[in-house]
Amino acid sequence: MKDEVFYGKGIHELEGEYPDLYELVKDISEVVYDGYALDYKTQKLIAIGITASRADPRATKKQIKSGMKELDITKEEIMDVLKIVLLTSGMPAFSKAVQILNSVIETQ
């Protein structure tokens, strides 16, 4: 995982009190985001789709922001992902994710 950006609220709280557990989470992230068969950009787009399909606004926003910042992911690429979210998860998840995407773009 690039830049140690975690989307669970409690992960960074582990760092001070449970450093071994925090390091384990970091290690898992490195294994997951290894770019072995899929490059990191593709993996990030999948992560955006998953968080958007769960209608998780906090995680969706963080995934979009980090993808655009780290990997120059474009609005059009994210919209391609969100169209799949519309098909698989429905209008509420899609609509919420589009609002988040637009808010991220407006603050850039």
PDB file of N, CA and C in Angstrom:
ATOM      1  N   MET A   1       0.856  -1.173   0.000  1.00  0.00           N
ATOM      2  CA  MET A   1       0.000   0.000   0.000  1.00  0.00           C
ATOM      3  C   MET A   1       0.893   1.223   0.000  1.00  0.00           C
ATOM      4  N   LYS A   2       0.582   2.122  -0.821  1.00  0.00           N
ATOM      5  CA  LYS A   2       1.413   3.315  -0.946  1.00  0.00           C
ATOM      6  C   LYS A   2       1.081   4.309   0.163  1.00  0.00           C
ATOM      7  N   ASP A   3       2.084   4.991   0.665  1.00  0.00           N
ATOM      8  CA  ASP A   3       1.944   6.078   1.636  1.00  0.00           C
ATOM      9  C   ASP A   3       1.211   5.695   2.923  1.00  0.00           C
ATOM     10  N   GLU A   4       1.114   4.427   3.233  1.00  0.00           N
ATOM     11  CA  GLU A   4       0.461   3.971   4.463  1.00  0.00           C
ATOM     12  C   GLU A   4      -0.871   4.669   4.713  1.00  0.00           C
ATOM     13  N   VAL A   5      -1.718   4.697   3.702  1.00  0.00           N
ATOM     14  CA  VAL A   5      -3.058   5.267   3.847  1.00  0.00           C
ATOM     15  C   VAL A   5      -3.992   4.120   4.172  1.00  0.00           C
ATOM     16  N   PHE A   6      -4.567   4.156   5.367  1.00  0.00           N
ATOM     17  CA  PHE A   6      -5.499   3.120   5.784  1.00  0.00           C
ATOM     18  C   PHE A   6      -6.889   3.722   5.866  1.00  0.00           C
ATOM     19  N   TYR A   7      -7.885   2.905   5.545  1.00  0.00           N
ATOM     20  CA  TYR A   7      -9.245   3.410   5.459  1.00  0.00           C
ATOM     21  C   TYR A   7     -10.094   3.032   6.662  1.00  0.00           C
ATOM     22  N   GLY A   8      -9.640   2.097   7.453  1.00  0.00           N
ATOM     23  CA  GLY A   8     -10.325   1.791   8.694  1.00  0.00           C
ATOM     24  C   GLY A   8      -9.965   2.823   9.741  1.00  0.00           C
ATOM     25  N   LYS A   9     -10.961   3.282  10.465  1.00  0.00           N
ATOM     26  CA  LYS A   9     -10.742   4.354  11.432  1.00  0.00           C
ATOM     27  C   LYS A   9      -9.753   3.975  12.533  1.00  0.00           C
ATOM     28  N   GLY A  10      -9.689   2.712  12.917  1.00  0.00           N
ATOM     29  CA  GLY A  10      -8.881   2.338  14.064  1.00  0.00           C
ATOM     30  C   GLY A  10      -7.468   1.888  13.765  1.00  0.00           C
ATOM     31  N   ILE A  11      -7.109   1.800  12.497  1.00  0.00           N
ATOM     32  CA  ILE A  11      -5.797   1.226  12.166  1.00  0.00           C
ATOM     33  C   ILE A  11      -4.647   2.053  12.731  1.00  0.00           C
ATOM     34  N   HIS A  12      -4.681   3.366  12.539  1.00  0.00           N
ATOM     35  CA  HIS A  12      -3.567   4.181  13.050  1.00  0.00           C
ATOM     36  C   HIS A  12      -3.540   4.218  14.571  1.00  0.00           C
ATOM     37  N   GLU A  13      -4.672   3.957  15.207  1.00  0.00           N
ATOM     38  CA  GLU A  13      -4.687   3.892  16.670  1.00  0.00           C
ATOM     39  C   GLU A  13      -3.896   2.700  17.180  1.00  0.00           C
ATOM     40  N   LEU A  14      -3.737   1.685  16.349  1.00  0.00           N
ATOM     41  CA  LEU A  14      -2.963   0.505  16.736  1.00  0.00           C
ATOM     42  C   LEU A  14      -1.472   0.806  16.818  1.00  0.00           C
ATOM     43  N   GLU A  15      -1.032   1.772  16.028  1.00  0.00           N
ATOM     44  CA  GLU A  15       0.400   2.014  15.878  1.00  0.00           C
ATOM     45  C   GLU A  15       1.107   2.225  17.211  1.00  0.00           C
ATOM     46  N   GLY A  16       0.528   3.015  18.097  1.00  0.00           N
ATOM     47  CA  GLY A  16       1.166   3.293  19.375  1.00  0.00           C
ATOM     48  C   GLY A  16       0.975   2.195  20.400  1.00  0.00           C
ATOM     49  N   GLU A  17      -0.248   1.691  20.481  1.00  0.00           N
ATOM     50  CA  GLU A  17      -0.571   0.731  21.540  1.00  0.00           C
ATOM     51  C   GLU A  17      -0.253  -0.723  21.169  1.00  0.00           C
ATOM     52  N   TYR A  18      -0.422  -1.057  19.902  1.00  0.00           N
ATOM     53  CA  TYR A  18      -0.179  -2.425  19.437  1.00  0.00           C
ATOM     54  C   TYR A  18       0.684  -2.398  18.170  1.00  0.00           C
ATOM     55  N   PRO A  19       1.956  -2.014  18.305  1.00  0.00           N
ATOM     56  CA  PRO A  19       2.798  -1.850  17.113  1.00  0.00           C
ATOM     57  C   PRO A  19       2.972  -3.130  16.301  1.00  0.00           C
ATOM     58  N   ASP A  20       2.984  -4.281  16.938  1.00  0.00           N
ATOM     59  CA  ASP A  20       3.131  -5.540  16.193  1.00  0.00           C
ATOM     60  C   ASP A  20       1.925  -5.774  15.289  1.00  0.00           C
ATOM     61  N   LEU A  21       0.737  -5.484  15.799  1.00  0.00           N
ATOM     62  CA  LEU A  21      -0.481  -5.650  15.015  1.00  0.00           C
ATOM     63  C   LEU A  21      -0.521  -4.639  13.866  1.00  0.00           C
ATOM     64  N   TYR A  22      -0.084  -3.413  14.154  1.00  0.00           N
ATOM     65  CA  TYR A  22      -0.022  -2.390  13.120  1.00  0.00           C
ATOM     66  C   TYR A  22       0.924  -2.818  12.002  1.00  0.00           C
ATOM     67  N   GLU A  23       2.082  -3.345  12.351  1.00  0.00           N
ATOM     68  CA  GLU A  23       3.039  -3.812  11.343  1.00  0.00           C
ATOM     69  C   GLU A  23       2.460  -4.960  10.529  1.00  0.00           C
ATOM     70  N   LEU A  24       1.686  -5.821  11.157  1.00  0.00           N
ATOM     71  CA  LEU A  24       1.042  -6.922  10.447  1.00  0.00           C
ATOM     72  C   LEU A  24       0.070  -6.391   9.395  1.00  0.00           C
ATOM     73  N   VAL A  25      -0.723  -5.386   9.764  1.00  0.00           N
ATOM     74  CA  VAL A  25      -1.654  -4.773   8.815  1.00  0.00           C
ATOM     75  C   VAL A  25      -0.878  -4.156   7.653  1.00  0.00           C
ATOM     76  N   LYS A  26       0.215  -3.477   7.944  1.00  0.00           N
ATOM     77  CA  LYS A  26       1.053  -2.899   6.882  1.00  0.00           C
ATOM     78  C   LYS A  26       1.591  -3.987   5.956  1.00  0.00           C
ATOM     79  N   ASP A  27       2.045  -5.095   6.550  1.00  0.00           N
ATOM     80  CA  ASP A  27       2.583  -6.191   5.749  1.00  0.00           C
ATOM     81  C   ASP A  27       1.515  -6.796   4.845  1.00  0.00           C
ATOM     82  N   ILE A  28       0.308  -6.967   5.370  1.00  0.00           N
ATOM     83  CA  ILE A  28      -0.796  -7.501   4.559  1.00  0.00           C
ATOM     84  C   ILE A  28      -1.074  -6.562   3.391  1.00  0.00           C
ATOM     85  N   SER A  29      -1.080  -5.278   3.659  1.00  0.00           N
ATOM     86  CA  SER A  29      -1.326  -4.295   2.600  1.00  0.00           C
ATOM     87  C   SER A  29      -0.275  -4.390   1.504  1.00  0.00           C
ATOM     88  N   GLU A  30       0.969  -4.575   1.892  1.00  0.00           N
ATOM     89  CA  GLU A  30       2.039  -4.696   0.899  1.00  0.00           C
ATOM     90  C   GLU A  30       1.854  -5.948   0.048  1.00  0.00           C
ATOM     91  N   VAL A  31       1.417  -7.033   0.652  1.00  0.00           N
ATOM     92  CA  VAL A  31       1.185  -8.266  -0.094  1.00  0.00           C
ATOM     93  C   VAL A  31       0.011  -8.098  -1.058  1.00  0.00           C
ATOM     94  N   VAL A  32      -1.055  -7.464  -0.598  1.00  0.00           N
ATOM     95  CA  VAL A  32      -2.236  -7.271  -1.432  1.00  0.00           C
ATOM     96  C   VAL A  32      -1.928  -6.353  -2.604  1.00  0.00           C
ATOM     97  N   TYR A  33      -1.291  -5.234  -2.343  1.00  0.00           N
ATOM     98  CA  TYR A  33      -0.992  -4.249  -3.381  1.00  0.00           C
ATOM     99  C   TYR A  33       0.407  -4.480  -3.958  1.00  0.00           C
ATOM    100  N   ASP A  34       0.667  -5.705  -4.427  1.00  0.00           N
ATOM    101  CA  ASP A  34       2.002  -6.024  -4.928  1.00  0.00           C
ATOM    102  C   ASP A  34       2.164  -5.805  -6.424  1.00  0.00           C
ATOM    103  N   GLY A  35       1.085  -5.603  -7.145  1.00  0.00           N
ATOM    104  CA  GLY A  35       1.181  -5.394  -8.575  1.00  0.00           C
ATOM    105  C   GLY A  35       1.659  -6.610  -9.347  1.00  0.00           C
ATOM    106  N   TYR A  36       1.449  -7.787  -8.800  1.00  0.00           N
ATOM    107  CA  TYR A  36       1.950  -9.007  -9.427  1.00  0.00           C
ATOM    108  C   TYR A  36       1.275  -9.261 -10.774  1.00  0.00           C
ATOM    109  N   ALA A  37      -0.030  -9.463 -10.784  1.00  0.00           N
ATOM    110  CA  ALA A  37      -0.742  -9.710 -12.038  1.00  0.00           C
ATOM    111  C   ALA A  37      -1.476  -8.460 -12.511  1.00  0.00           C
ATOM    112  N   LEU A  38      -1.964  -7.689 -11.570  1.00  0.00           N
ATOM    113  CA  LEU A  38      -2.644  -6.432 -11.886  1.00  0.00           C
ATOM    114  C   LEU A  38      -1.784  -5.290 -11.384  1.00  0.00           C
ATOM    115  N   ASP A  39      -1.624  -4.278 -12.203  1.00  0.00           N
ATOM    116  CA  ASP A  39      -0.823  -3.143 -11.752  1.00  0.00           C
ATOM    117  C   ASP A  39      -1.563  -2.392 -10.638  1.00  0.00           C
ATOM    118  N   TYR A  40      -0.806  -1.568  -9.927  1.00  0.00           N
ATOM    119  CA  TYR A  40      -1.352  -0.868  -8.761  1.00  0.00           C
ATOM    120  C   TYR A  40      -2.529   0.032  -9.139  1.00  0.00           C
ATOM    121  N   LYS A  41      -2.480   0.655 -10.298  1.00  0.00           N
ATOM    122  CA  LYS A  41      -3.576   1.519 -10.729  1.00  0.00           C
ATOM    123  C   LYS A  41      -4.869   0.717 -10.885  1.00  0.00           C
ATOM    124  N   THR A  42      -4.778  -0.447 -11.486  1.00  0.00           N
ATOM    125  CA  THR A  42      -5.953  -1.305 -11.643  1.00  0.00           C
ATOM    126  C   THR A  42      -6.475  -1.746 -10.275  1.00  0.00           C
ATOM    127  N   GLN A  43      -5.564  -2.100  -9.393  1.00  0.00           N
ATOM    128  CA  GLN A  43      -5.980  -2.490  -8.042  1.00  0.00           C
ATOM    129  C   GLN A  43      -6.678  -1.331  -7.339  1.00  0.00           C
ATOM    130  N   LYS A  44      -6.186  -0.116  -7.511  1.00  0.00           N
ATOM    131  CA  LYS A  44      -6.800   1.066  -6.890  1.00  0.00           C
ATOM    132  C   LYS A  44      -8.193   1.291  -7.466  1.00  0.00           C
ATOM    133  N   LEU A  45      -8.352   1.124  -8.782  1.00  0.00           N
ATOM    134  CA  LEU A  45      -9.678   1.282  -9.385  1.00  0.00           C
ATOM    135  C   LEU A  45     -10.659   0.237  -8.840  1.00  0.00           C
ATOM    136  N   ILE A  46     -10.174  -0.972  -8.613  1.00  0.00           N
ATOM    137  CA  ILE A  46     -11.018  -2.004  -7.995  1.00  0.00           C
ATOM    138  C   ILE A  46     -11.409  -1.585  -6.579  1.00  0.00           C
ATOM    139  N   ALA A  47     -10.456  -1.059  -5.832  1.00  0.00           N
ATOM    140  CA  ALA A  47     -10.744  -0.608  -4.461  1.00  0.00           C
ATOM    141  C   ALA A  47     -11.779   0.513  -4.472  1.00  0.00           C
ATOM    142  N   ILE A  48     -11.690   1.428  -5.425  1.00  0.00           N
ATOM    143  CA  ILE A  48     -12.689   2.499  -5.544  1.00  0.00           C
ATOM    144  C   ILE A  48     -14.059   1.883  -5.787  1.00  0.00           C
ATOM    145  N   GLY A  49     -14.125   0.916  -6.685  1.00  0.00           N
ATOM    146  CA  GLY A  49     -15.400   0.264  -6.972  1.00  0.00           C
ATOM    147  C   GLY A  49     -15.986  -0.462  -5.777  1.00  0.00           C
ATOM    148  N   ILE A  50     -15.141  -1.131  -5.030  1.00  0.00           N
ATOM    149  CA  ILE A  50     -15.624  -1.871  -3.852  1.00  0.00           C
ATOM    150  C   ILE A  50     -16.158  -0.916  -2.794  1.00  0.00           C
ATOM    151  N   THR A  51     -15.400   0.119  -2.491  1.00  0.00           N
ATOM    152  CA  THR A  51     -15.867   1.053  -1.456  1.00  0.00           C
ATOM    153  C   THR A  51     -17.114   1.787  -1.916  1.00  0.00           C
ATOM    154  N   ALA A  52     -17.184   2.134  -3.202  1.00  0.00           N
ATOM    155  CA  ALA A  52     -18.376   2.800  -3.723  1.00  0.00           C
ATOM    156  C   ALA A  52     -19.580   1.873  -3.682  1.00  0.00           C
ATOM    157  N   SER A  53     -19.390   0.612  -4.005  1.00  0.00           N
ATOM    158  CA  SER A  53     -20.512  -0.332  -4.004  1.00  0.00           C
ATOM    159  C   SER A  53     -21.044  -0.584  -2.598  1.00  0.00           C
ATOM    160  N   ARG A  54     -20.188  -0.393  -1.605  1.00  0.00           N
ATOM    161  CA  ARG A  54     -20.620  -0.537  -0.206  1.00  0.00           C
ATOM    162  C   ARG A  54     -21.270   0.738   0.314  1.00  0.00           C
ATOM    163  N   ALA A  55     -21.277   1.778  -0.535  1.00  0.00           N
ATOM    164  CA  ALA A  55     -21.830   3.090  -0.161  1.00  0.00           C
ATOM    165  C   ALA A  55     -21.152   3.603   1.110  1.00  0.00           C
ATOM    166  N   ASP A  56     -19.832   3.446   1.152  1.00  0.00           N
ATOM    167  CA  ASP A  56     -19.025   3.899   2.285  1.00  0.00           C
ATOM    168  C   ASP A  56     -18.394   5.233   1.897  1.00  0.00           C
ATOM    169  N   PRO A  57     -19.005   6.348   2.291  1.00  0.00           N
ATOM    170  CA  PRO A  57     -18.535   7.642   1.805  1.00  0.00           C
ATOM    171  C   PRO A  57     -17.111   7.987   2.222  1.00  0.00           C
ATOM    172  N   ARG A  58     -16.752   7.670   3.440  1.00  0.00           N
ATOM    173  CA  ARG A  58     -15.405   8.008   3.928  1.00  0.00           C
ATOM    174  C   ARG A  58     -14.340   7.254   3.145  1.00  0.00           C
ATOM    175  N   ALA A  59     -14.513   5.953   3.010  1.00  0.00           N
ATOM    176  CA  ALA A  59     -13.524   5.144   2.301  1.00  0.00           C
ATOM    177  C   ALA A  59     -13.514   5.461   0.809  1.00  0.00           C
ATOM    178  N   THR A  60     -14.686   5.699   0.232  1.00  0.00           N
ATOM    179  CA  THR A  60     -14.755   6.034  -1.183  1.00  0.00           C
ATOM    180  C   THR A  60     -13.997   7.324  -1.458  1.00  0.00           C
ATOM    181  N   LYS A  61     -14.211   8.314  -0.626  1.00  0.00           N
ATOM    182  CA  LYS A  61     -13.518   9.596  -0.802  1.00  0.00           C
ATOM    183  C   LYS A  61     -12.012   9.424  -0.682  1.00  0.00           C
ATOM    184  N   LYS A  62     -11.561   8.682   0.313  1.00  0.00           N
ATOM    185  CA  LYS A  62     -10.117   8.482   0.497  1.00  0.00           C
ATOM    186  C   LYS A  62      -9.515   7.696  -0.662  1.00  0.00           C
ATOM    187  N   GLN A  63     -10.222   6.677  -1.144  1.00  0.00           N
ATOM    188  CA  GLN A  63      -9.715   5.900  -2.276  1.00  0.00           C
ATOM    189  C   GLN A  63      -9.619   6.769  -3.529  1.00  0.00           C
ATOM    190  N   ILE A  64     -10.652   7.570  -3.791  1.00  0.00           N
ATOM    191  CA  ILE A  64     -10.643   8.448  -4.966  1.00  0.00           C
ATOM    192  C   ILE A  64      -9.515   9.465  -4.857  1.00  0.00           C
ATOM    193  N   LYS A  65      -9.414  10.117  -3.707  1.00  0.00           N
ATOM    194  CA  LYS A  65      -8.381  11.145  -3.536  1.00  0.00           C
ATOM    195  C   LYS A  65      -6.983  10.563  -3.704  1.00  0.00           C
ATOM    196  N   SER A  66      -6.713   9.439  -3.075  1.00  0.00           N
ATOM    197  CA  SER A  66      -5.367   8.879  -3.173  1.00  0.00           C
ATOM    198  C   SER A  66      -5.094   8.362  -4.582  1.00  0.00           C
ATOM    199  N   GLY A  67      -6.100   7.811  -5.245  1.00  0.00           N
ATOM    200  CA  GLY A  67      -5.910   7.347  -6.618  1.00  0.00           C
ATOM    201  C   GLY A  67      -5.611   8.479  -7.579  1.00  0.00           C
ATOM    202  N   MET A  68      -6.306   9.585  -7.412  1.00  0.00           N
ATOM    203  CA  MET A  68      -6.077  10.736  -8.285  1.00  0.00           C
ATOM    204  C   MET A  68      -4.711  11.362  -7.994  1.00  0.00           C
ATOM    205  N   LYS A  69      -4.344  11.408  -6.721  1.00  0.00           N
ATOM    206  CA  LYS A  69      -3.077  12.037  -6.334  1.00  0.00           C
ATOM    207  C   LYS A  69      -1.874  11.162  -6.692  1.00  0.00           C
ATOM    208  N   GLU A  70      -1.916   9.903  -6.301  1.00  0.00           N
ATOM    209  CA  GLU A  70      -0.771   9.010  -6.472  1.00  0.00           C
ATOM    210  C   GLU A  70      -0.608   8.504  -7.893  1.00  0.00           C
ATOM    211  N   LEU A  71      -1.719   8.269  -8.569  1.00  0.00           N
ATOM    212  CA  LEU A  71      -1.671   7.528  -9.829  1.00  0.00           C
ATOM    213  C   LEU A  71      -2.246   8.298 -11.017  1.00  0.00           C
ATOM    214  N   ASP A  72      -2.603   9.545 -10.777  1.00  0.00           N
ATOM    215  CA  ASP A  72      -3.201  10.362 -11.840  1.00  0.00           C
ATOM    216  C   ASP A  72      -4.426   9.703 -12.458  1.00  0.00           C
ATOM    217  N   ILE A  73      -5.180   9.011 -11.644  1.00  0.00           N
ATOM    218  CA  ILE A  73      -6.435   8.431 -12.127  1.00  0.00           C
ATOM    219  C   ILE A  73      -7.375   9.579 -12.486  1.00  0.00           C
ATOM    220  N   THR A  74      -8.016   9.465 -13.623  1.00  0.00           N
ATOM    221  CA  THR A  74      -8.866  10.538 -14.121  1.00  0.00           C
ATOM    222  C   THR A  74     -10.321  10.351 -13.710  1.00  0.00           C
ATOM    223  N   LYS A  75     -11.070  11.429 -13.825  1.00  0.00           N
ATOM    224  CA  LYS A  75     -12.511  11.374 -13.568  1.00  0.00           C
ATOM    225  C   LYS A  75     -13.164  10.350 -14.486  1.00  0.00           C
ATOM    226  N   GLU A  76     -12.752  10.307 -15.728  1.00  0.00           N
ATOM    227  CA  GLU A  76     -13.338   9.379 -16.696  1.00  0.00           C
ATOM    228  C   GLU A  76     -13.079   7.928 -16.306  1.00  0.00           C
ATOM    229  N   GLU A  77     -11.876   7.638 -15.820  1.00  0.00           N
ATOM    230  CA  GLU A  77     -11.574   6.271 -15.376  1.00  0.00           C
ATOM    231  C   GLU A  77     -12.445   5.889 -14.180  1.00  0.00           C
ATOM    232  N   ILE A  78     -12.607   6.830 -13.263  1.00  0.00           N
ATOM    233  CA  ILE A  78     -13.452   6.553 -12.092  1.00  0.00           C
ATOM    234  C   ILE A  78     -14.901   6.388 -12.516  1.00  0.00           C
ATOM    235  N   MET A  79     -15.362   7.194 -13.451  1.00  0.00           N
ATOM    236  CA  MET A  79     -16.739   7.048 -13.922  1.00  0.00           C
ATOM    237  C   MET A  79     -16.959   5.694 -14.584  1.00  0.00           C
ATOM    238  N   ASP A  80     -15.961   5.170 -15.293  1.00  0.00           N
ATOM    239  CA  ASP A  80     -16.089   3.818 -15.848  1.00  0.00           C
ATOM    240  C   ASP A  80     -16.305   2.795 -14.741  1.00  0.00           C
ATOM    241  N   VAL A  81     -15.581   2.953 -13.658  1.00  0.00           N
ATOM    242  CA  VAL A  81     -15.750   2.061 -12.506  1.00  0.00           C
ATOM    243  C   VAL A  81     -17.137   2.252 -11.895  1.00  0.00           C
ATOM    244  N   LEU A  82     -17.558   3.502 -11.753  1.00  0.00           N
ATOM    245  CA  LEU A  82     -18.845   3.772 -11.119  1.00  0.00           C
ATOM    246  C   LEU A  82     -20.024   3.287 -11.962  1.00  0.00           C
ATOM    247  N   LYS A  83     -19.850   3.202 -13.272  1.00  0.00           N
ATOM    248  CA  LYS A  83     -20.908   2.625 -14.109  1.00  0.00           C
ATOM    249  C   LYS A  83     -21.103   1.150 -13.774  1.00  0.00           C
ATOM    250  N   ILE A  84     -20.020   0.471 -13.454  1.00  0.00           N
ATOM    251  CA  ILE A  84     -20.124  -0.929 -13.026  1.00  0.00           C
ATOM    252  C   ILE A  84     -20.815  -1.007 -11.665  1.00  0.00           C
ATOM    253  N   VAL A  85     -20.492  -0.050 -10.791  1.00  0.00           N
ATOM    254  CA  VAL A  85     -21.173   0.020  -9.493  1.00  0.00           C
ATOM    255  C   VAL A  85     -22.674   0.195  -9.702  1.00  0.00           C
ATOM    256  N   LEU A  86     -23.064   1.048 -10.632  1.00  0.00           N
ATOM    257  CA  LEU A  86     -24.486   1.245 -10.939  1.00  0.00           C
ATOM    258  C   LEU A  86     -25.130  -0.073 -11.341  1.00  0.00           C
ATOM    259  N   LEU A  87     -24.486  -0.803 -12.213  1.00  0.00           N
ATOM    260  CA  LEU A  87     -25.027  -2.069 -12.696  1.00  0.00           C
ATOM    261  C   LEU A  87     -25.106  -3.126 -11.598  1.00  0.00           C
ATOM    262  N   THR A  88     -24.096  -3.186 -10.756  1.00  0.00           N
ATOM    263  CA  THR A  88     -24.021  -4.269  -9.771  1.00  0.00           C
ATOM    264  C   THR A  88     -24.595  -3.936  -8.401  1.00  0.00           C
ATOM    265  N   SER A  89     -24.574  -2.650  -8.037  1.00  0.00           N
ATOM    266  CA  SER A  89     -25.007  -2.281  -6.685  1.00  0.00           C
ATOM    267  C   SER A  89     -26.183  -1.319  -6.661  1.00  0.00           C
ATOM    268  N   GLY A  90     -26.537  -0.763  -7.796  1.00  0.00           N
ATOM    269  CA  GLY A  90     -27.732   0.061  -7.870  1.00  0.00           C
ATOM    270  C   GLY A  90     -27.487   1.556  -7.806  1.00  0.00           C
ATOM    271  N   MET A  91     -28.580   2.272  -8.001  1.00  0.00           N
ATOM    272  CA  MET A  91     -28.547   3.720  -8.098  1.00  0.00           C
ATOM    273  C   MET A  91     -28.079   4.416  -6.812  1.00  0.00           C
ATOM    274  N   PRO A  92     -28.523   4.001  -5.617  1.00  0.00           N
ATOM    275  CA  PRO A  92     -28.074   4.732  -4.415  1.00  0.00           C
ATOM    276  C   PRO A  92     -26.556   4.744  -4.243  1.00  0.00           C
ATOM    277  N   ALA A  93     -25.915   3.607  -4.403  1.00  0.00           N
ATOM    278  CA  ALA A  93     -24.449   3.551  -4.254  1.00  0.00           C
ATOM    279  C   ALA A  93     -23.779   4.359  -5.363  1.00  0.00           C
ATOM    280  N   PHE A  94     -24.273   4.234  -6.577  1.00  0.00           N
ATOM    281  CA  PHE A  94     -23.724   4.980  -7.707  1.00  0.00           C
ATOM    282  C   PHE A  94     -23.858   6.483  -7.493  1.00  0.00           C
ATOM    283  N   SER A  95     -25.043   6.912  -7.137  1.00  0.00           N
ATOM    284  CA  SER A  95     -25.319   8.338  -6.958  1.00  0.00           C
ATOM    285  C   SER A  95     -24.440   8.941  -5.869  1.00  0.00           C
ATOM    286  N   LYS A  96     -24.319   8.230  -4.764  1.00  0.00           N
ATOM    287  CA  LYS A  96     -23.480   8.714  -3.663  1.00  0.00           C
ATOM    288  C   LYS A  96     -22.022   8.831  -4.111  1.00  0.00           C
ATOM    289  N   ALA A  97     -21.534   7.850  -4.841  1.00  0.00           N
ATOM    290  CA  ALA A  97     -20.146   7.864  -5.295  1.00  0.00           C
ATOM    291  C   ALA A  97     -19.891   8.993  -6.297  1.00  0.00           C
ATOM    292  N   VAL A  98     -20.852   9.261  -7.168  1.00  0.00           N
ATOM    293  CA  VAL A  98     -20.696  10.363  -8.121  1.00  0.00           C
ATOM    294  C   VAL A  98     -20.627  11.691  -7.375  1.00  0.00           C
ATOM    295  N   GLN A  99     -21.452  11.843  -6.352  1.00  0.00           N
ATOM    296  CA  GLN A  99     -21.402  13.064  -5.540  1.00  0.00           C
ATOM    297  C   GLN A  99     -20.037  13.212  -4.884  1.00  0.00           C
ATOM    298  N   ILE A 100     -19.503  12.134  -4.368  1.00  0.00           N
ATOM    299  CA  ILE A 100     -18.185  12.161  -3.726  1.00  0.00           C
ATOM    300  C   ILE A 100     -17.115  12.518  -4.746  1.00  0.00           C
ATOM    301  N   LEU A 101     -17.160  11.888  -5.905  1.00  0.00           N
ATOM    302  CA  LEU A 101     -16.192  12.186  -6.963  1.00  0.00           C
ATOM    303  C   LEU A 101     -16.234  13.670  -7.324  1.00  0.00           C
ATOM    304  N   ASN A 102     -17.415  14.200  -7.515  1.00  0.00           N
ATOM    305  CA  ASN A 102     -17.542  15.614  -7.874  1.00  0.00           C
ATOM    306  C   ASN A 102     -17.025  16.525  -6.768  1.00  0.00           C
ATOM    307  N   SER A 103     -17.266  16.154  -5.519  1.00  0.00           N
ATOM    308  CA  SER A 103     -16.764  16.989  -4.409  1.00  0.00           C
ATOM    309  C   SER A 103     -15.243  16.964  -4.337  1.00  0.00           C
ATOM    310  N   VAL A 104     -14.652  15.819  -4.635  1.00  0.00           N
ATOM    311  CA  VAL A 104     -13.183  15.712  -4.645  1.00  0.00           C
ATOM    312  C   VAL A 104     -12.624  16.589  -5.765  1.00  0.00           C
ATOM    313  N   ILE A 105     -13.229  16.549  -6.912  1.00  0.00           N
ATOM    314  CA  ILE A 105     -12.746  17.320  -8.054  1.00  0.00           C
ATOM    315  C   ILE A 105     -12.887  18.821  -7.766  1.00  0.00           C
ATOM    316  N   GLU A 106     -13.976  19.221  -7.134  1.00  0.00           N
ATOM    317  CA  GLU A 106     -14.194  20.627  -6.818  1.00  0.00           C
ATOM    318  C   GLU A 106     -13.169  21.181  -5.849  1.00  0.00           C
ATOM    319  N   THR A 107     -12.627  20.352  -4.983  1.00  0.00           N
ATOM    320  CA  THR A 107     -11.665  20.819  -3.968  1.00  0.00           C
ATOM    321  C   THR A 107     -10.223  20.759  -4.459  1.00  0.00           C
ATOM    322  N   GLN A 108     -10.010  20.285  -5.662  1.00  0.00           N
ATOM    323  CA  GLN A 108      -8.635  20.206  -6.187  1.00  0.00           C
ATOM    324  C   GLN A 108      -8.180  21.552  -6.700  1.00  0.00           C
TER     325      GLN A 108
END
